[in-house]
Amino acid sequence: MRIGEVTARTGIPQRMLRYYEEQGLLSAERAENGYREYDHDAVERAQRVRRLIQAGLSTRMVKVVLDLEADSRATQPPSCTRGLAEELAAELHALDDRLACLAKSRDAVALYLSRSAHADLLSH
């Protein structure tokens, strides 16, 4: 599928898809006319990349996570350097901190709405 179709399916702008490709996060074949041709897995992968970036990961760390996910499907145990393991541990702690902050914010918003005249909005 061409880049426009990936954009239509994911809502991710073409410019961003090209950036993901430049960063090694997404790949496409080139047709004879030079157009990018993505396989059907590209939609899911692009959405995954976007979610990871929105969660606060750098594109470099997104690449690491995607590679680790691919490695985790292998039958052999994953291996990495101590330095990478330390980076991943730091990223894990940062994610935990962001999750805690988001949960606190979510709880505050939910409490406010539950005490308002519009508590019915919480039912969906």
Protein backbone atom coordinates (compact mmCIF):
# COMPACT_ATOMS: atom_id res chain seq x y z
CA MET A 1 0.00 0.00 0.00
CA ARG A 2 1.17 3.53 -0.63
CA ILE A 3 1.95 6.14 2.00
CA GLY A 4 -1.41 7.88 1.51
CA GLU A 5 -3.26 4.71 2.42
CA VAL A 6 -1.15 4.22 5.55
CA THR A 7 -1.96 7.83 6.48
CA ALA A 8 -5.66 7.21 5.87
CA ARG A 9 -5.64 4.06 8.02
CA THR A 10 -3.58 5.46 10.88
CA GLY A 11 -4.20 9.19 10.89
CA ILE A 12 -0.43 9.70 10.96
CA PRO A 13 0.69 12.42 8.53
CA GLN A 14 2.84 11.40 5.59
CA ARG A 15 5.63 13.66 6.82
CA MET A 16 5.71 11.75 10.11
CA LEU A 17 5.70 8.37 8.36
CA ARG A 18 8.70 9.48 6.29
CA TYR A 19 10.42 10.58 9.51
CA TYR A 20 9.74 7.17 11.09
CA GLU A 21 11.32 5.60 8.03
CA GLU A 22 14.38 7.88 8.29
CA GLN A 23 14.77 6.83 11.92
CA GLY A 24 14.61 3.12 11.04
CA LEU A 25 11.27 2.64 12.80
CA LEU A 26 9.28 1.83 9.69
CA SER A 27 10.32 0.42 6.35
CA ALA A 28 8.97 0.53 2.84
CA GLU A 29 10.01 -0.88 -0.48
CA ARG A 30 10.39 1.42 -3.44
CA ALA A 31 8.29 0.76 -6.55
CA GLU A 32 9.79 1.32 -9.98
CA ASN A 33 8.20 4.76 -10.05
CA GLY A 34 9.92 5.64 -6.73
CA TYR A 35 6.76 5.50 -4.63
CA ARG A 36 6.96 3.93 -1.20
CA GLU A 37 5.16 0.60 -0.90
CA TYR A 38 4.32 -0.52 2.63
CA ASP A 39 3.27 -4.01 3.63
CA HIS A 40 0.12 -4.60 5.69
CA ASP A 41 2.10 -4.84 8.95
CA ALA A 42 3.18 -1.21 8.47
CA VAL A 43 -0.16 0.11 9.74
CA GLU A 44 0.15 -1.69 13.07
CA ARG A 45 3.85 -0.86 13.40
CA ALA A 46 3.28 2.85 12.63
CA GLN A 47 0.52 2.97 15.26
CA ARG A 48 2.82 1.25 17.77
CA VAL A 49 5.62 3.73 17.04
CA ARG A 50 3.23 6.64 17.48
CA ARG A 51 1.94 5.33 20.82
CA LEU A 52 5.47 4.82 22.13
CA ILE A 53 6.49 8.33 21.12
CA GLN A 54 3.32 9.75 22.66
CA ALA A 55 4.22 7.86 25.85
CA GLY A 56 7.40 9.90 25.98
CA LEU A 57 10.01 7.59 24.47
CA SER A 58 12.63 9.05 22.16
CA THR A 59 12.79 7.65 18.65
CA ARG A 60 16.09 6.00 19.60
CA MET A 61 14.44 4.27 22.55
CA VAL A 62 11.43 3.32 20.39
CA LYS A 63 13.83 1.53 18.04
CA VAL A 64 15.38 -0.30 20.99
CA VAL A 65 11.96 -1.32 22.34
CA LEU A 66 10.74 -2.55 18.95
CA ASP A 67 13.93 -4.53 18.45
CA LEU A 68 13.61 -6.02 21.94
CA GLU A 69 9.99 -6.97 21.27
CA ALA A 70 11.08 -8.74 18.09
CA ASP A 71 13.90 -10.48 19.98
CA SER A 72 11.53 -11.55 22.77
CA ARG A 73 9.57 -13.64 20.27
CA ALA A 74 12.71 -15.66 19.56
CA THR A 75 13.26 -18.92 21.37
CA GLN A 76 16.61 -17.83 22.81
CA PRO A 77 16.80 -15.57 25.85
CA PRO A 78 17.47 -11.93 24.95
CA SER A 79 20.91 -10.49 25.45
CA CYS A 80 22.06 -6.90 25.75
CA THR A 81 24.96 -4.94 27.10
CA ARG A 82 25.02 -3.70 30.67
CA GLY A 83 24.84 -0.14 29.35
CA LEU A 84 21.68 -0.85 27.38
CA ALA A 85 20.17 -2.66 30.37
CA GLU A 86 20.86 0.41 32.51
CA GLU A 87 19.23 2.67 29.90
CA LEU A 88 16.20 0.39 29.80
CA ALA A 89 15.98 0.34 33.60
CA ALA A 90 16.09 4.16 33.66
CA GLU A 91 13.40 4.29 30.96
CA LEU A 92 11.28 1.84 32.96
CA HIS A 93 11.53 4.05 36.05
CA ALA A 94 10.63 7.14 33.99
CA LEU A 95 7.60 5.32 32.55
CA ASP A 96 6.51 4.28 36.04
CA ASP A 97 6.79 7.90 37.17
CA ARG A 98 4.71 9.09 34.20
CA LEU A 99 2.10 6.38 34.83
CA ALA A 100 1.83 7.42 38.48
CA CYS A 101 1.43 11.06 37.46
CA LEU A 102 -1.19 10.17 34.86
CA ALA A 103 -3.09 8.00 37.35
CA LYS A 104 -3.12 10.84 39.88
CA SER A 105 -4.36 13.29 37.23
CA ARG A 106 -6.98 10.81 36.04
CA ASP A 107 -8.23 10.31 39.60
CA ALA A 108 -8.47 14.08 40.15
CA VAL A 109 -10.46 14.58 36.95
CA ALA A 110 -12.74 11.63 37.74
CA LEU A 111 -13.36 12.93 41.28
CA TYR A 112 -14.16 16.41 39.98
CA LEU A 113 -16.61 15.05 37.41
CA SER A 114 -18.20 12.65 39.91
CA ARG A 115 -18.92 15.58 42.24
CA SER A 116 -20.27 17.79 39.46
CA ALA A 117 -23.72 17.96 37.93
CA HIS A 118 -22.27 16.06 34.97
CA ALA A 119 -21.30 12.82 36.72
CA ASP A 120 -23.29 10.94 34.08
CA LEU A 121 -20.40 11.55 31.67
CA LEU A 122 -18.33 9.03 33.64
CA SER A 123 -20.62 6.14 32.75
CA HIS A 124 -19.13 5.52 29.29
